[in-house]
C-alpha atoms as a PDB file:
ATOM      1  CA  MET A   1       8.935  17.239 -25.404  1.00  0.00           C
ATOM      2  CA  ARG A   2       8.901  13.684 -23.739  1.00  0.00           C
ATOM      3  CA  VAL A   3      11.591  12.183 -21.442  1.00  0.00           C
ATOM      4  CA  CYS A   4      12.152   9.986 -23.531  1.00  0.00           C
ATOM      5  CA  GLU A   5      13.236  11.965 -26.660  1.00  0.00           C
ATOM      6  CA  LEU A   6      15.182  14.454 -24.123  1.00  0.00           C
ATOM      7  CA  LEU A   7      16.999  11.572 -22.972  1.00  0.00           C
ATOM      8  CA  ILE A   8      17.517  10.704 -26.463  1.00  0.00           C
ATOM      9  CA  HIS A   9      18.761  14.364 -27.545  1.00  0.00           C
ATOM     10  CA  GLU A  10      21.331  14.332 -24.577  1.00  0.00           C
ATOM     11  CA  ARG A  11      22.713  11.061 -25.591  1.00  0.00           C
ATOM     12  CA  GLU A  12      23.197  12.453 -29.460  1.00  0.00           C
ATOM     13  CA  ILE A  13      24.885  15.443 -27.888  1.00  0.00           C
ATOM     14  CA  GLU A  14      27.192  13.640 -25.703  1.00  0.00           C
ATOM     15  CA  ILE A  15      28.146  11.539 -28.514  1.00  0.00           C
ATOM     16  CA  ARG A  16      28.598  14.398 -30.719  1.00  0.00           C
ATOM     17  CA  GLN A  17      31.034  16.173 -28.308  1.00  0.00           C
ATOM     18  CA  GLN A  18      32.905  12.802 -27.290  1.00  0.00           C
ATOM     19  CA  SER A  19      33.676  11.933 -31.111  1.00  0.00           C
ATOM     20  CA  VAL A  20      37.007  12.003 -32.342  1.00  0.00           C
ATOM     21  CA  HIS A  21      36.293  12.562 -35.995  1.00  0.00           C
ATOM     22  CA  ALA A  22      33.560  12.995 -38.400  1.00  0.00           C
ATOM     23  CA  THR A  23      33.314   9.119 -39.259  1.00  0.00           C
ATOM     24  CA  GLN A  24      33.015   7.762 -35.559  1.00  0.00           C
ATOM     25  CA  MET A  25      30.458  10.250 -34.453  1.00  0.00           C
ATOM     26  CA  ARG A  26      28.214   9.192 -37.843  1.00  0.00           C
ATOM     27  CA  ASN A  27      29.174   4.970 -36.815  1.00  0.00           C
ATOM     28  CA  GLU A  28      27.854   6.160 -32.958  1.00  0.00           C
ATOM     29  CA  LEU A  29      24.776   7.778 -34.295  1.00  0.00           C
ATOM     30  CA  ALA A  30      23.919   5.356 -36.149  1.00  0.00           C
ATOM     31  CA  SER A  31      24.459   2.549 -33.938  1.00  0.00           C
ATOM     32  CA  TYR A  32      22.491   4.562 -31.257  1.00  0.00           C
ATOM     33  CA  ALA A  33      19.733   5.191 -33.504  1.00  0.00           C
ATOM     34  CA  HIS A  34      19.269   1.410 -34.007  1.00  0.00           C
ATOM     35  CA  SER A  35      19.482   0.771 -30.559  1.00  0.00           C
ATOM     36  CA  VAL A  36      16.589   3.347 -30.041  1.00  0.00           C
ATOM     37  CA  ALA A  37      12.907   2.231 -30.421  1.00  0.00           C
ATOM     38  CA  ASP A  38       9.626   3.776 -29.731  1.00  0.00           C
ATOM     39  CA  MET A  39       8.523   2.581 -26.152  1.00  0.00           C
ATOM     40  CA  ALA A  40       4.690   0.814 -27.220  1.00  0.00           C
ATOM     41  CA  PRO A  41       6.409  -1.373 -29.367  1.00  0.00           C
ATOM     42  CA  MET A  42       9.097  -2.551 -26.763  1.00  0.00           C
ATOM     43  CA  LEU A  43       6.078  -3.012 -24.647  1.00  0.00           C
ATOM     44  CA  LYS A  44       4.893  -5.289 -26.562  1.00  0.00           C
ATOM     45  CA  LYS A  45       7.844  -7.225 -27.414  1.00  0.00           C
ATOM     46  CA  SER A  46       8.721  -7.605 -23.593  1.00  0.00           C
ATOM     47  CA  LYS A  47       5.812  -8.657 -21.231  1.00  0.00           C
ATOM     48  CA  ILE A  48       8.344  -8.871 -18.447  1.00  0.00           C
ATOM     49  CA  TYR A  49       7.277  -5.659 -16.529  1.00  0.00           C
ATOM     50  CA  VAL A  50       3.614  -6.879 -15.944  1.00  0.00           C
ATOM     51  CA  ASP A  51       5.036  -8.565 -13.228  1.00  0.00           C
ATOM     52  CA  ALA A  52       6.919  -5.809 -11.547  1.00  0.00           C
ATOM     53  CA  ALA A  53       5.512  -4.244  -8.571  1.00  0.00           C
ATOM     54  CA  PRO A  54       5.083  -0.986  -9.550  1.00  0.00           C
ATOM     55  CA  PHE A  55       2.935  -2.051 -12.953  1.00  0.00           C
ATOM     56  CA  LEU A  56       0.757  -4.113 -10.317  1.00  0.00           C
ATOM     57  CA  LYS A  57      -0.024  -1.422  -8.163  1.00  0.00           C
ATOM     58  CA  ILE A  58      -1.170   0.714 -10.844  1.00  0.00           C
ATOM     59  CA  LYS A  59      -3.695  -1.735 -11.927  1.00  0.00           C
ATOM     60  CA  LYS A  60      -4.686  -2.494  -8.923  1.00  0.00           C
ATOM     61  CA  ASP A  61      -5.275   0.866  -8.513  1.00  0.00           C
ATOM     62  CA  ILE A  62      -7.163   1.551 -11.918  1.00  0.00           C
ATOM     63  CA  GLN A  63      -9.714  -1.490 -10.633  1.00  0.00           C
ATOM     64  CA  ALA A  64     -10.355  -0.118  -7.266  1.00  0.00           C
ATOM     65  CA  PHE A  65     -11.235   3.295  -9.176  1.00  0.00           C
ATOM     66  CA  LEU A  66     -13.302   1.517 -11.607  1.00  0.00           C
ATOM     67  CA  ASN A  67     -15.025  -0.341  -9.002  1.00  0.00           C
ATOM     68  CA  ARG A  68     -15.792   2.430  -6.989  1.00  0.00           C
ATOM     69  CA  ASP A  69     -16.813   4.091 -10.018  1.00  0.00           C
ATOM     70  CA  ALA A  70     -19.506   1.293 -10.524  1.00  0.00           C
ATOM     71  CA  ASN A  71     -20.826   1.432  -7.535  1.00  0.00           C
ATOM     72  CA  ILE A  72     -21.509   4.941  -7.607  1.00  0.00           C
ATOM     73  CA  ASN A  73     -23.190   4.664 -10.700  1.00  0.00           C
ATOM     74  CA  THR A  74     -25.483   1.736  -9.523  1.00  0.00           C
ATOM     75  CA  LYS A  75     -26.360   3.237  -6.085  1.00  0.00           C
ATOM     76  CA  PRO A  76     -29.488   5.160  -6.279  1.00  0.00           C
ATOM     77  CA  ILE A  77     -30.315   8.901  -6.025  1.00  0.00           C
ATOM     78  CA  ASN A  78     -32.473   8.793  -2.680  1.00  0.00           C
ATOM     79  CA  GLY A  79     -30.988   6.364  -1.136  1.00  0.00           C
ATOM     80  CA  THR A  80     -33.585   3.480  -1.313  1.00  0.00           C
ATOM     81  CA  PRO A  81     -34.076   0.987  -4.026  1.00  0.00           C
ATOM     82  CA  ASP A  82     -36.041   2.214  -6.941  1.00  0.00           C
ATOM     83  CA  ASN A  83     -38.857  -0.245  -6.426  1.00  0.00           C
ATOM     84  CA  ALA A  84     -39.370   0.312  -2.520  1.00  0.00           C
ATOM     85  CA  GLY A  85     -41.391   3.394  -2.481  1.00  0.00           C
ATOM     86  CA  SER A  86     -43.396   2.766  -5.082  1.00  0.00           C
ATOM     87  CA  ALA A  87     -47.223   1.920  -5.005  1.00  0.00           C
ATOM     88  CA  LYS A  88     -48.649  -1.351  -5.484  1.00  0.00           C
END
């Protein structure tokens, strides 16, 4: 179970426990269900996170990893340029 699902489930249990009667419980659960959405559509709607420090650090780390991986793949195996050892 994902963290989001667990938090939603915990909140629904809390609503059930705090409701005085069945109608209140149904109304509260319906209201809560309408206020909760999947993460992907919410991230598409809100772009504020792209300026957040944790997001920028992750982005920088990924870029560094990809650059490092690209550098490793372009280096010759024996440590010399491909044409340095060839005869003319």
